[in-house]
Each structure stands twice: as structure tokens, then as C-alpha cells.
Protein backbone atom coordinates (compact mmCIF):
# COMPACT_ATOMS: atom_id res chain seq x y z
CA MET A 1 -102.82 121.66 -100.95
CA ASN A 2 -101.33 121.27 -104.48
CA ALA A 3 -99.88 124.29 -106.10
CA ALA A 4 -101.41 123.56 -109.53
CA PRO A 5 -102.80 126.27 -111.56
CA VAL A 6 -106.50 126.89 -111.17
CA SER A 7 -108.04 127.81 -114.81
CA ARG A 8 -110.34 131.09 -115.28
CA SER A 9 -113.21 128.76 -116.13
CA GLN A 10 -112.59 126.69 -112.93
CA LEU A 11 -112.88 129.81 -111.01
CA GLU A 12 -115.90 131.11 -112.54
CA PHE A 13 -117.60 127.70 -112.19
CA TYR A 14 -117.11 128.01 -108.16
CA ALA A 15 -117.84 131.50 -108.31
CA GLN A 16 -121.54 131.04 -109.65
CA PRO A 17 -124.30 129.59 -107.06
CA SER A 18 -125.60 126.32 -106.89
CA ALA A 19 -129.26 125.17 -106.55
CA MET A 20 -128.00 124.57 -102.66
CA THR A 21 -126.34 128.15 -102.66
CA SER A 22 -128.59 130.38 -104.59
CA ALA A 23 -130.47 132.86 -102.11
CA GLY A 24 -133.40 133.00 -104.57
CA ARG A 25 -135.85 135.44 -103.74
CA HIS A 26 -133.53 136.67 -101.01
CA ALA A 27 -130.50 137.81 -103.20
CA ALA A 28 -131.01 141.42 -102.64
CA LEU A 29 -130.24 140.71 -99.15
CA PHE A 30 -126.81 140.00 -99.62
CA LYS A 31 -125.91 143.12 -101.53
CA GLU A 32 -126.38 144.67 -98.35
CA LEU A 33 -123.76 142.62 -96.44
CA PRO A 34 -120.06 143.69 -95.80
CA VAL A 35 -117.40 142.78 -98.18
CA ASP A 36 -114.83 142.07 -95.62
CA LEU A 37 -114.42 138.31 -94.97
CA ALA A 38 -114.14 138.59 -90.97
CA GLU A 39 -117.19 140.74 -90.98
CA LEU A 40 -119.05 138.44 -93.30
CA VAL A 41 -118.35 135.36 -91.12
CA SER A 42 -119.21 137.58 -88.01
CA VAL A 43 -122.78 138.34 -89.67
CA ILE A 44 -123.10 134.35 -90.19
CA GLN A 45 -122.20 133.83 -86.47
CA GLN A 46 -124.96 136.01 -85.71
CA LEU A 47 -127.63 134.13 -88.05
CA VAL A 48 -126.80 130.57 -86.67
CA ILE A 49 -126.51 128.86 -83.52
CA TYR A 50 -124.97 125.32 -83.26
CA ASP A 51 -127.87 123.25 -81.59
CA VAL A 52 -125.74 120.72 -79.76
CA VAL A 53 -123.76 123.32 -77.50
CA ALA A 54 -126.40 125.89 -77.72
CA PRO A 55 -127.43 125.56 -73.93
CA GLU A 56 -123.75 125.47 -72.78
CA PHE A 57 -121.91 128.12 -74.96
CA TYR A 58 -124.81 130.56 -75.43
CA GLY A 59 -127.69 129.63 -72.45
CA PHE A 60 -130.26 128.66 -74.96
CA SER A 61 -131.96 125.31 -75.41
CA ILE A 62 -133.47 124.70 -78.77
CA PRO A 63 -137.08 124.14 -78.54
CA GLU A 64 -138.53 120.68 -79.70
CA GLN A 65 -140.55 122.15 -82.47
CA ARG A 66 -137.49 124.09 -83.77
CA GLN A 67 -135.00 121.08 -83.92
CA GLY A 68 -136.26 120.20 -87.50
CA GLU A 69 -134.28 123.60 -88.59
CA ILE A 70 -130.74 121.54 -88.53
CA HIS A 71 -132.26 119.60 -91.54
CA LEU A 72 -132.90 122.65 -93.85
CA ARG A 73 -130.48 121.84 -96.98
CA SER A 74 -130.73 125.02 -99.42
CA THR A 75 -129.66 128.56 -98.70
CA ALA A 76 -132.95 129.74 -99.57
CA ARG A 77 -134.71 127.72 -97.19
CA ILE A 78 -132.33 128.44 -94.52
CA LEU A 79 -132.89 132.28 -95.32
CA ASP A 80 -136.81 131.75 -94.92
CA ARG A 81 -136.34 130.40 -91.51
CA ILE A 82 -133.87 133.02 -90.21
CA LEU A 83 -136.15 135.78 -91.66
CA ALA A 84 -139.37 134.11 -89.78
CA LEU A 85 -137.42 134.42 -86.63
CA ASP A 86 -136.05 137.73 -86.91
CA ASP A 87 -137.09 139.82 -90.13
CA ARG A 88 -134.20 142.55 -89.71
CA PRO A 89 -131.48 142.97 -92.28
CA LEU A 90 -129.19 139.76 -92.26
CA SER A 91 -126.25 141.97 -90.51
CA ALA A 92 -128.29 143.26 -87.52
CA PRO A 93 -126.83 141.20 -84.39
CA ARG A 94 -129.32 138.55 -83.36
CA PRO A 95 -129.96 137.27 -79.72
CA ALA A 96 -129.59 133.53 -79.28
CA GLU A 97 -133.13 132.68 -79.38
CA HIS A 98 -133.47 134.44 -82.78
CA ARG A 99 -130.82 132.47 -84.75
CA ILE A 100 -131.55 129.43 -86.63
CA ALA A 101 -130.48 126.15 -85.22
CA GLY A 102 -127.90 124.65 -87.47
CA ARG A 103 -124.66 122.46 -87.55
CA CYS A 104 -121.58 123.12 -89.93
CA HIS A 105 -123.71 122.97 -92.80
CA HIS A 106 -125.62 126.04 -92.32
CA PHE A 107 -122.46 128.03 -91.50
CA VAL A 108 -120.84 126.74 -94.61
CA VAL A 109 -123.46 127.11 -97.31
CA LEU A 110 -124.43 130.65 -95.96
CA LEU A 111 -120.59 131.70 -96.56
CA VAL A 112 -120.36 129.90 -99.88
CA ALA A 113 -123.56 131.65 -100.87
CA MET A 114 -122.51 135.02 -99.89
CA LEU A 115 -119.11 134.91 -101.52
CA ARG A 116 -120.67 133.20 -104.69
CA ALA A 117 -123.04 136.05 -104.58
CA ARG A 118 -120.09 138.56 -105.10
CA GLN A 119 -118.51 136.23 -107.62
CA ILE A 120 -115.70 134.96 -105.51
CA PRO A 121 -114.99 131.38 -106.20
CA ALA A 122 -115.93 129.23 -103.03
CA ARG A 123 -116.96 125.50 -102.22
CA ALA A 124 -117.92 123.45 -99.35
CA ARG A 125 -115.49 120.94 -98.06
CA CYS A 126 -116.15 117.83 -96.44
CA GLY A 127 -113.80 116.45 -94.20
CA PHE A 128 -112.60 116.15 -90.32
CA GLY A 129 -111.46 118.78 -87.90
CA ALA A 130 -108.67 118.24 -85.35
CA TYR A 131 -109.54 120.86 -83.07
CA PHE A 132 -112.77 119.65 -81.25
CA ASN A 133 -111.41 116.59 -79.52
CA PRO A 134 -107.71 115.83 -80.09
CA PRO A 135 -106.41 113.46 -80.78
CA ALA A 136 -109.68 112.42 -82.49
CA PHE A 137 -110.61 114.16 -86.19
CA GLU A 138 -114.18 114.78 -85.75
CA ASP A 139 -116.51 115.06 -88.93
CA HIS A 140 -116.87 118.57 -90.12
CA TRP A 141 -117.63 120.87 -93.18
CA VAL A 142 -115.54 124.04 -93.83
CA CYS A 143 -115.73 126.82 -96.80
CA GLU A 144 -112.74 126.91 -98.98
CA TYR A 145 -112.77 130.08 -100.96
CA TRP A 146 -110.37 131.56 -103.82
CA ASN A 147 -107.78 134.38 -102.34
CA GLU A 148 -107.11 136.23 -105.63
CA ALA A 149 -104.29 138.00 -104.18
CA GLU A 150 -102.41 135.15 -103.05
CA THR A 151 -103.54 132.68 -105.52
CA ARG A 152 -104.31 130.22 -103.46
CA TRP A 153 -107.48 128.17 -101.69
CA VAL A 154 -108.13 129.10 -98.20
CA LEU A 155 -110.26 126.96 -95.89
CA VAL A 156 -112.62 129.25 -93.46
CA ASP A 157 -114.44 127.81 -90.48
CA ALA A 158 -117.19 130.32 -90.00
CA GLN A 159 -118.70 128.11 -87.14
CA PHE A 160 -115.94 129.21 -84.92
CA ASP A 161 -116.95 132.51 -83.18
CA GLU A 162 -114.97 133.59 -80.01
CA THR A 163 -117.17 131.60 -77.55
CA TRP A 164 -116.21 128.46 -79.81
CA GLN A 165 -112.41 129.35 -79.85
CA ARG A 166 -112.40 130.09 -76.04
CA LYS A 167 -114.42 127.06 -74.82
CA LEU A 168 -112.28 124.63 -77.26
CA SER A 169 -108.85 126.58 -76.88
CA ILE A 170 -108.70 127.38 -80.74
CA ARG A 171 -105.15 128.96 -81.36
CA HIS A 172 -105.07 128.75 -85.29
CA ASP A 173 -106.71 131.41 -87.52
CA VAL A 174 -110.09 130.07 -88.19
CA LEU A 175 -110.23 132.47 -91.33
CA ASP A 176 -107.09 130.50 -92.72
CA VAL A 177 -107.47 127.13 -91.00
CA PRO A 178 -104.19 125.10 -91.44
CA ARG A 179 -104.67 121.83 -93.70
CA ASP A 180 -103.28 119.74 -90.86
CA GLN A 181 -106.23 120.98 -88.61
CA PHE A 182 -108.62 120.45 -91.09
CA LEU A 183 -108.21 117.30 -93.21
CA VAL A 184 -110.32 117.27 -96.54
CA ALA A 185 -111.90 113.51 -96.77
CA ALA A 186 -109.07 112.65 -99.41
CA ASP A 187 -106.44 113.43 -96.91
CA ALA A 188 -108.07 111.46 -94.08
CA TRP A 189 -108.36 108.40 -96.21
CA THR A 190 -104.75 108.65 -97.27
CA LYS A 191 -103.50 108.80 -93.91
CA CYS A 192 -105.85 105.80 -92.81
CA ARG A 193 -104.65 103.71 -95.80
CA THR A 194 -100.84 104.49 -95.20
CA ARG A 195 -101.40 103.89 -91.48
CA LYS A 196 -100.08 107.19 -90.45
CA ILE A 197 -103.36 107.73 -88.27
CA ASP A 198 -105.75 104.98 -86.99
CA PRO A 199 -109.22 105.06 -89.11
CA ALA A 200 -110.77 104.82 -85.68
CA LYS A 201 -109.96 108.20 -84.81
CA PHE A 202 -112.29 109.58 -87.53
CA GLY A 203 -115.81 110.00 -87.10
CA ILE A 204 -118.36 111.31 -84.39
CA SER A 205 -116.99 110.77 -81.08
CA PHE A 206 -119.83 111.21 -78.83
CA VAL A 207 -122.27 108.75 -80.90
CA LYS A 208 -119.50 106.29 -81.19
CA LEU A 209 -119.44 106.27 -85.08
CA HIS A 210 -116.01 105.87 -86.61
CA GLY A 211 -113.95 104.28 -88.69
CA LEU A 212 -112.71 103.80 -92.43
CA TRP A 213 -116.12 103.22 -93.84
CA TYR A 214 -116.82 106.79 -92.34
CA VAL A 215 -113.98 108.17 -93.99
CA ALA A 216 -115.41 106.58 -97.37
CA GLY A 217 -118.88 108.05 -96.96
CA ASN A 218 -117.24 111.66 -96.52
CA LEU A 219 -115.14 111.26 -99.82
CA VAL A 220 -118.66 110.66 -101.64
CA ARG A 221 -120.03 113.88 -100.01
CA ASP A 222 -116.93 115.72 -100.85
CA VAL A 223 -117.09 114.89 -104.32
CA ALA A 224 -120.55 116.08 -104.39
CA ALA A 225 -119.57 119.48 -102.82
CA LEU A 226 -117.01 119.84 -105.35
CA ASN A 227 -119.56 119.58 -108.22
CA LYS A 228 -121.83 122.25 -106.23
CA THR A 229 -124.45 119.71 -105.09
CA GLU A 230 -124.13 120.52 -101.40
CA PRO A 231 -125.53 117.82 -99.17
CA LEU A 232 -126.38 117.56 -95.34
CA PRO A 233 -123.49 116.05 -93.53
CA TRP A 234 -125.70 113.26 -92.60
CA ASP A 235 -127.26 112.67 -96.01
CA VAL A 236 -126.51 108.74 -97.59
CA TRP A 237 -127.00 107.52 -101.01
CA GLY A 238 -125.24 105.51 -103.58
CA ALA A 239 -121.57 104.18 -102.89
CA GLN A 240 -121.46 105.41 -99.52
CA PRO A 241 -120.83 102.31 -97.27
CA ARG A 242 -123.32 100.92 -94.46
CA GLU A 243 -122.50 101.78 -90.71
CA ASN A 244 -119.60 100.12 -89.53
CA GLU A 245 -119.20 98.03 -92.79
CA ARG A 246 -115.71 96.24 -93.46
CA LEU A 247 -114.74 97.46 -97.07
CA SER A 248 -114.06 94.92 -99.56
CA ALA A 249 -110.70 95.09 -101.97
CA ASP A 250 -113.12 96.76 -104.76
CA GLN A 251 -114.08 99.36 -102.26
CA HIS A 252 -110.75 100.22 -101.34
CA ALA A 253 -109.81 100.65 -105.11
CA TYR A 254 -112.85 102.59 -105.47
CA PHE A 255 -112.69 105.06 -102.84
CA SER A 256 -108.77 105.49 -103.19
CA ARG A 257 -109.67 106.43 -106.84
CA LEU A 258 -112.04 109.14 -105.28
CA ALA A 259 -109.35 110.09 -102.67
CA ALA A 260 -106.86 110.80 -105.60
CA LEU A 261 -109.52 112.83 -107.57
CA THR A 262 -110.34 115.20 -104.75
CA THR A 263 -107.05 115.60 -103.38
CA GLY A 264 -106.26 117.51 -106.23
CA PRO A 265 -109.59 118.81 -107.41
CA ASP A 266 -108.24 121.65 -109.80
CA ILE A 267 -106.15 118.97 -111.55
CA SER A 268 -108.91 116.52 -111.79
CA PHE A 269 -111.59 119.07 -112.41
CA ASP A 270 -113.04 117.72 -115.67
CA GLU A 271 -112.61 114.01 -114.59
CA LEU A 272 -114.14 114.76 -111.16
CA GLY A 273 -117.34 116.33 -113.23
CA ARG A 274 -117.60 113.42 -115.23
CA ALA A 275 -117.35 110.60 -112.77
CA PHE A 276 -119.80 112.47 -110.57
CA HIS A 277 -122.70 112.67 -113.42
CA ALA A 278 -121.78 109.22 -114.87
CA ASP A 279 -121.47 107.11 -111.77
CA PRO A 280 -124.90 106.61 -110.03
CA GLY A 281 -122.86 105.73 -106.65
CA LEU A 282 -121.86 109.55 -106.75
CA ALA A 283 -124.60 111.34 -108.31
CA VAL A 284 -127.01 112.72 -106.00
CA PRO A 285 -130.67 111.34 -106.50
CA ALA A 286 -133.88 113.02 -106.19
CA GLN A 287 -134.42 111.26 -102.86
CA VAL A 288 -131.43 110.84 -100.00
CA TYR A 289 -131.50 108.80 -96.81
CA ASN A 290 -131.34 111.23 -93.96
CA ALA A 291 -129.33 109.30 -91.17
CA LEU A 292 -130.36 111.34 -88.34
CA LEU A 293 -134.26 111.11 -88.93
CA GLN A 294 -133.88 107.61 -90.63
CA ARG A 295 -136.03 108.20 -93.43
CA GLN A 296 -135.88 109.12 -97.13
CA GLU A 297 -136.35 112.71 -98.32
CA PRO A 298 -136.38 114.84 -101.23
CA PHE A 299 -132.92 116.43 -101.91
CA GLU A 300 -133.99 120.13 -101.82
């Protein structure tokens, strides 16, 4: 990660809620939460259960009528569902069946939302985890927050509770994820383009989706997240390539520019904002394509 200075205005930008990370009418609930980062992460792990591994890891299969919970985008809607399942304070430990079904998106937006509610700069980052299925790099999102005491951005993977860590033999600190263990999309793109890592190692192994086109799609999602417009990991719009698309020379140049901007988002902060709002291939439209459900949906 670059050691470029971060301006106070940039930190203030990331310390304020976005449309996707505002708690809305549930804002008062955040005031009751612990201040300590580890405790806050523990709270989130009691609120969300990762649907794919729920039966094996937690002994609970998500009922068919609840499988749509993973598609909730905004913090406010996620909190609506959490409280519908169990209306106790958010810090109350919940059994597996009372946790909302989610994926990395839910863990990330909740942590980003809770940190921003305390005016701690935080942002969602889209990229690839090296710790799911080595040597593959699996599609993943984490939270990046500003550690004021250490004057640096720190990656936090709120998804990885003790069960996840034990099952996957995780050895690194999930509250300070090493940047060779989680590659933001720009770093993945650069390693592919310089032939340091085979593009076929990046994607989602269990559904056999991988390649440079996938990395390019995550670059677009990361640009959106850095502009505080946090999508679902499977939201598709604009410049994102089609599945298994062979990228043209123009596309290579375009995505290399996005990688340059998002490699050093603090240096490129202003340019990143201008590009996002001016380029129709980057700006998130009112309707996006949900690739899992294979349909257009309102972005809300």
C-alpha cells in the first residue's frame, strides 16, 4: 500500500455514511455497540451467517424462503431483516437460525456502516482472498479502515470468526489482513498483466468462473466502492466485461487506467471521483444486473 499522505478532507469523506451504509431509522442502535474493533467484529459475526457454509460450519441450512437475504444491498434493509429475525439489541448473541443469511458483502457493509457511524474513516474494498483455497485467489470483499494511531489504512475481514479460521487454517490476523493475503482488484490486475500470477487463479473456483475478465469486473466494483457506492459482489453494469470475454487492446488500456487509479486511491482521490461520475461505464445506474438471479434490479 502506498504511504502517500491522506488529507483530512479525504478522511472526512470516508467517515460519513453513504446511501448503502446509512443505518437509517436504526441509527440509534449503533450507539449501543462497543467501541473496540475486535468486539465490533464479533457482534457482526453474531448477526450474519454465510449461507454457503452454514450447514457444514454451523449446522444450519438456510430455508428456501430466506435465501433472498443475501441479495439485500443496503445497511438499512439488512438491519430491517436482522431485527425481524431477532429484535433484541444488536450486541445480543444470536443462534445460527436467527442470523441473516449473507455473504462477504453483508459483513463488510455492516462494519463500514458501524465505523462510519463513529466517524471512523472506512471503505469497502473489492478483490481476492488468498486464504480460501490456495493457490487460488477467490472473489472477496473486506473492510479497509483508517487507523489514526498508526496513520495507515488497515484491512479487516469481519467474515472470519473462530469457526472459519479453524476450518480454513487461517494463520494471519483477520483484523489486520496482510496485503499479500487479500489483493485489491488493482493489485490482482497488475499481477496478471505482469504475468506474476496466472489470471486463471482469480475468480470463484466452485462455479468455475475465473480469468482476466473477472478481475476487470472487480476493478469496476472497487471504483464504485471507493466512491461510497457499495454494490453486491454480483452486481453487473457498464464497463464490466461479459462472462469469459476476451479483452481487446482498448479494454486492456481502460482497465489498466482503473488499476492505476485504485492502486493509490488517496493519491488519485479527485481523479477517481471525476472518473466515476463522468464515465457511464463506471457510474452505477438506477438498475443493475444481478448475475446470480439473472435479472435487472433497482440499485437500492
